[in-house]
């Protein structure tokens, strides 16, 4: 499903114009990006959590140059679904 399809479905379910729904969806995505960029997690009860996970420093190989490089410690965005969300997917996906 694409973002345009999601916007269309939300617009149909709520009766709100697609342009307004699009602005709202974009604002949600921007808020998630800004919050995670500043190190703040987002918790949505019944849906899941958007959090930053820390990746430790590690050694990696550059195969083409046959050298070892150090990848510094860094954070990556992650989503962890809630138990209710997981159970609903388990019971409904065929």
N, C-alpha and C. Protein backbone atom coordinates (compact mmCIF):
# COMPACT_ATOMS: atom_id res chain seq x y z
N UNK A 1 0.84 -1.17 0.00
CA UNK A 1 0.00 0.00 0.00
C UNK A 1 0.90 1.24 0.00
N UNK A 2 0.55 2.21 -0.82
CA UNK A 2 1.33 3.43 -0.90
C UNK A 2 0.75 4.51 0.02
N UNK A 3 1.51 5.58 0.19
CA UNK A 3 1.03 6.68 1.04
C UNK A 3 -0.24 7.28 0.45
N UNK A 4 -0.33 7.39 -0.87
CA UNK A 4 -1.52 7.93 -1.52
C UNK A 4 -2.74 7.07 -1.23
N UNK A 5 -2.55 5.75 -1.23
CA UNK A 5 -3.67 4.85 -0.92
C UNK A 5 -4.09 4.99 0.54
N UNK A 6 -3.13 5.15 1.44
CA UNK A 6 -3.44 5.35 2.85
C UNK A 6 -4.24 6.63 3.03
N UNK A 7 -3.80 7.70 2.38
CA UNK A 7 -4.51 8.98 2.47
C UNK A 7 -5.93 8.85 1.94
N UNK A 8 -6.10 8.13 0.85
CA UNK A 8 -7.42 7.93 0.27
C UNK A 8 -8.34 7.15 1.21
N UNK A 9 -7.81 6.10 1.83
CA UNK A 9 -8.61 5.29 2.76
C UNK A 9 -9.01 6.10 3.98
N UNK A 10 -8.05 6.84 4.55
CA UNK A 10 -8.36 7.67 5.73
C UNK A 10 -9.39 8.73 5.36
N UNK A 11 -9.25 9.33 4.19
CA UNK A 11 -10.20 10.34 3.74
C UNK A 11 -11.60 9.76 3.60
N UNK A 12 -11.69 8.56 3.03
CA UNK A 12 -13.00 7.91 2.88
C UNK A 12 -13.62 7.56 4.23
N UNK A 13 -12.81 7.06 5.17
CA UNK A 13 -13.33 6.65 6.47
C UNK A 13 -13.76 7.84 7.33
N UNK A 14 -13.05 8.96 7.21
CA UNK A 14 -13.35 10.11 8.07
C UNK A 14 -14.25 11.14 7.41
N UNK A 15 -14.36 11.11 6.10
CA UNK A 15 -15.15 12.10 5.40
C UNK A 15 -14.44 13.44 5.25
N UNK A 16 -13.15 13.47 5.56
CA UNK A 16 -12.36 14.68 5.45
C UNK A 16 -11.73 14.73 4.05
N UNK A 17 -11.61 15.92 3.50
CA UNK A 17 -11.04 16.12 2.18
C UNK A 17 -9.64 15.50 2.09
N UNK A 18 -9.29 14.96 0.92
CA UNK A 18 -7.99 14.31 0.74
C UNK A 18 -6.83 15.28 0.95
N UNK A 19 -7.00 16.53 0.57
CA UNK A 19 -5.92 17.51 0.75
C UNK A 19 -5.63 17.72 2.23
N UNK A 20 -6.66 17.82 3.04
CA UNK A 20 -6.50 18.01 4.48
C UNK A 20 -5.91 16.75 5.10
N UNK A 21 -6.38 15.60 4.67
CA UNK A 21 -5.84 14.33 5.17
C UNK A 21 -4.37 14.19 4.81
N UNK A 22 -4.00 14.59 3.62
CA UNK A 22 -2.60 14.53 3.19
C UNK A 22 -1.73 15.42 4.07
N UNK A 23 -2.18 16.62 4.36
CA UNK A 23 -1.43 17.53 5.23
C UNK A 23 -1.26 16.92 6.61
N UNK A 24 -2.32 16.30 7.13
CA UNK A 24 -2.27 15.69 8.46
C UNK A 24 -1.29 14.51 8.50
N UNK A 25 -1.34 13.65 7.50
CA UNK A 25 -0.43 12.49 7.44
C UNK A 25 1.02 12.97 7.33
N UNK A 26 1.26 13.96 6.48
CA UNK A 26 2.61 14.50 6.33
C UNK A 26 3.10 15.12 7.64
N UNK A 27 2.20 15.81 8.35
CA UNK A 27 2.57 16.42 9.64
C UNK A 27 2.92 15.34 10.65
N UNK A 28 2.19 14.22 10.64
CA UNK A 28 2.51 13.11 11.55
C UNK A 28 3.90 12.56 11.26
N UNK A 29 4.19 12.30 9.98
CA UNK A 29 5.50 11.77 9.61
C UNK A 29 6.61 12.74 9.99
N UNK A 30 6.39 14.03 9.76
CA UNK A 30 7.40 15.03 10.09
C UNK A 30 7.62 15.09 11.60
N UNK A 31 6.56 14.97 12.38
CA UNK A 31 6.68 14.97 13.84
C UNK A 31 7.47 13.77 14.32
N UNK A 32 7.23 12.61 13.75
CA UNK A 32 7.98 11.41 14.11
C UNK A 32 9.46 11.60 13.79
N UNK A 33 9.77 12.11 12.60
CA UNK A 33 11.16 12.34 12.20
C UNK A 33 11.85 13.32 13.14
N UNK A 34 11.18 14.43 13.44
CA UNK A 34 11.79 15.45 14.30
C UNK A 34 12.01 14.93 15.72
N UNK A 35 11.04 14.19 16.23
CA UNK A 35 11.16 13.66 17.59
C UNK A 35 12.30 12.66 17.70
N UNK A 36 12.40 11.74 16.75
CA UNK A 36 13.47 10.75 16.77
C UNK A 36 14.83 11.41 16.54
N UNK A 37 14.86 12.44 15.70
CA UNK A 37 16.12 13.15 15.46
C UNK A 37 16.63 13.85 16.72
N UNK A 38 15.71 14.29 17.56
CA UNK A 38 16.11 14.96 18.80
C UNK A 38 16.31 13.98 19.95
N UNK A 39 16.13 12.68 19.68
CA UNK A 39 16.37 11.65 20.70
C UNK A 39 15.15 11.31 21.53
N UNK A 40 13.99 11.81 21.16
CA UNK A 40 12.76 11.56 21.91
C UNK A 40 11.95 10.44 21.25
N UNK A 41 11.48 9.51 22.05
CA UNK A 41 10.68 8.40 21.53
C UNK A 41 9.20 8.80 21.49
N UNK A 42 8.43 8.11 20.66
CA UNK A 42 6.98 8.34 20.56
C UNK A 42 6.28 7.03 20.90
N UNK A 43 5.36 7.08 21.85
CA UNK A 43 4.60 5.91 22.27
C UNK A 43 3.13 6.13 21.94
N UNK A 44 2.54 5.24 21.13
CA UNK A 44 1.13 5.32 20.76
C UNK A 44 0.46 4.08 21.32
N UNK A 45 -0.33 4.25 22.39
CA UNK A 45 -0.97 3.13 23.07
C UNK A 45 -1.86 2.35 22.09
N UNK A 46 -1.69 1.04 22.07
CA UNK A 46 -2.47 0.18 21.20
C UNK A 46 -1.91 0.05 19.80
N UNK A 47 -0.88 0.83 19.47
CA UNK A 47 -0.29 0.77 18.14
C UNK A 47 1.17 0.35 18.19
N UNK A 48 2.00 1.11 18.92
CA UNK A 48 3.40 0.76 19.03
C UNK A 48 4.27 1.94 19.42
N UNK A 49 5.58 1.73 19.36
CA UNK A 49 6.54 2.74 19.78
C UNK A 49 7.54 3.01 18.66
N UNK A 50 7.82 4.29 18.45
CA UNK A 50 8.89 4.71 17.55
C UNK A 50 10.04 5.11 18.45
N UNK A 51 11.16 4.39 18.37
CA UNK A 51 12.29 4.63 19.26
C UNK A 51 13.59 4.62 18.46
N UNK A 52 14.65 5.14 19.08
CA UNK A 52 15.98 5.06 18.52
C UNK A 52 16.70 3.89 19.16
N UNK A 53 17.34 3.06 18.35
CA UNK A 53 18.15 1.96 18.88
C UNK A 53 19.61 2.31 18.64
N UNK A 54 20.42 2.05 19.66
CA UNK A 54 21.84 2.34 19.54
C UNK A 54 22.57 1.14 18.96
N UNK A 55 23.36 1.39 17.93
CA UNK A 55 24.21 0.37 17.34
C UNK A 55 25.63 0.61 17.84
N UNK A 56 26.27 -0.41 18.34
CA UNK A 56 27.62 -0.29 18.88
C UNK A 56 28.63 -0.12 17.75
N UNK A 57 29.79 0.40 18.10
CA UNK A 57 30.88 0.50 17.15
C UNK A 57 31.30 -0.90 16.72
N UNK A 58 31.65 -1.05 15.44
CA UNK A 58 32.05 -2.37 14.97
C UNK A 58 33.07 -2.24 13.84
N UNK A 59 33.73 -3.33 13.58
CA UNK A 59 34.67 -3.41 12.47
C UNK A 59 33.94 -4.01 11.27
N UNK A 60 34.17 -3.42 10.11
CA UNK A 60 33.56 -3.92 8.88
C UNK A 60 34.64 -4.03 7.82
N UNK A 61 34.39 -4.86 6.81
CA UNK A 61 35.39 -5.06 5.76
C UNK A 61 34.92 -4.40 4.47
N UNK A 62 35.84 -3.69 3.84
CA UNK A 62 35.63 -3.17 2.51
C UNK A 62 36.23 -4.21 1.56
N UNK A 63 35.38 -5.03 0.99
CA UNK A 63 35.84 -6.17 0.21
C UNK A 63 36.59 -5.73 -1.05
N UNK A 64 36.15 -4.66 -1.69
CA UNK A 64 36.81 -4.24 -2.93
C UNK A 64 38.23 -3.75 -2.70
N UNK A 65 38.47 -3.09 -1.56
CA UNK A 65 39.82 -2.60 -1.26
C UNK A 65 40.57 -3.50 -0.28
N UNK A 66 39.92 -4.53 0.20
CA UNK A 66 40.50 -5.49 1.15
C UNK A 66 41.07 -4.78 2.38
N UNK A 67 40.27 -3.88 2.94
CA UNK A 67 40.67 -3.15 4.14
C UNK A 67 39.59 -3.29 5.20
N UNK A 68 39.98 -3.02 6.44
CA UNK A 68 39.03 -3.02 7.54
C UNK A 68 38.74 -1.58 7.93
N UNK A 69 37.47 -1.27 8.09
CA UNK A 69 37.07 0.07 8.50
C UNK A 69 36.28 -0.02 9.80
N UNK A 70 36.31 1.04 10.56
CA UNK A 70 35.55 1.09 11.80
C UNK A 70 34.27 1.86 11.55
N UNK A 71 33.15 1.23 11.84
CA UNK A 71 31.85 1.89 11.76
C UNK A 71 31.56 2.42 13.16
N UNK A 72 31.44 3.74 13.31
CA UNK A 72 31.24 4.29 14.65
C UNK A 72 29.87 3.94 15.22
N UNK A 73 29.74 4.06 16.53
CA UNK A 73 28.44 3.84 17.18
C UNK A 73 27.45 4.87 16.64
N UNK A 74 26.21 4.44 16.44
CA UNK A 74 25.20 5.35 15.91
C UNK A 74 23.81 4.87 16.31
N UNK A 75 22.82 5.72 16.08
CA UNK A 75 21.44 5.39 16.39
C UNK A 75 20.68 5.17 15.09
N UNK A 76 19.72 4.23 15.12
CA UNK A 76 18.85 4.01 13.97
C UNK A 76 17.40 4.05 14.46
N UNK A 77 16.49 4.59 13.65
CA UNK A 77 15.08 4.60 14.06
C UNK A 77 14.50 3.19 13.97
N UNK A 78 13.59 2.90 14.88
CA UNK A 78 12.99 1.57 14.94
C UNK A 78 11.53 1.68 15.37
N UNK A 79 10.73 0.73 14.94
CA UNK A 79 9.33 0.67 15.35
C UNK A 79 9.08 -0.66 16.05
N UNK A 80 8.48 -0.62 17.22
CA UNK A 80 8.13 -1.83 17.94
C UNK A 80 6.61 -1.86 18.11
N UNK A 81 5.92 -2.79 17.47
CA UNK A 81 4.46 -2.83 17.57
C UNK A 81 4.01 -3.26 18.97
N UNK A 82 2.80 -2.78 19.33
CA UNK A 82 2.24 -3.17 20.63
C UNK A 82 1.73 -4.60 20.57
N UNK A 83 1.47 -5.17 21.74
CA UNK A 83 0.97 -6.54 21.81
C UNK A 83 -0.38 -6.67 21.10
N UNK A 84 -1.25 -5.67 21.27
CA UNK A 84 -2.57 -5.70 20.62
C UNK A 84 -2.42 -5.70 19.09
N UNK A 85 -1.49 -4.88 18.60
CA UNK A 85 -1.24 -4.79 17.17
C UNK A 85 -0.74 -6.12 16.64
N UNK A 86 0.22 -6.73 17.31
CA UNK A 86 0.77 -8.02 16.90
C UNK A 86 -0.31 -9.09 16.88
N UNK A 87 -1.12 -9.14 17.93
CA UNK A 87 -2.19 -10.15 18.00
C UNK A 87 -3.21 -9.98 16.88
N UNK A 88 -3.56 -8.72 16.56
CA UNK A 88 -4.51 -8.49 15.49
C UNK A 88 -3.96 -8.95 14.15
N UNK A 89 -2.70 -8.70 13.90
CA UNK A 89 -2.09 -9.14 12.65
C UNK A 89 -2.03 -10.67 12.60
N UNK A 90 -1.65 -11.30 13.72
CA UNK A 90 -1.56 -12.76 13.77
C UNK A 90 -2.90 -13.41 13.46
N UNK A 91 -3.98 -12.85 14.00
CA UNK A 91 -5.29 -13.49 13.84
C UNK A 91 -5.96 -13.17 12.51
N UNK A 92 -5.56 -12.06 11.86
CA UNK A 92 -6.26 -11.64 10.64
C UNK A 92 -5.52 -11.93 9.35
N UNK A 93 -4.23 -12.10 9.36
CA UNK A 93 -3.49 -12.35 8.12
C UNK A 93 -3.65 -13.82 7.75
N UNK A 94 -4.02 -14.02 6.49
CA UNK A 94 -4.28 -15.38 6.02
C UNK A 94 -3.14 -15.89 5.19
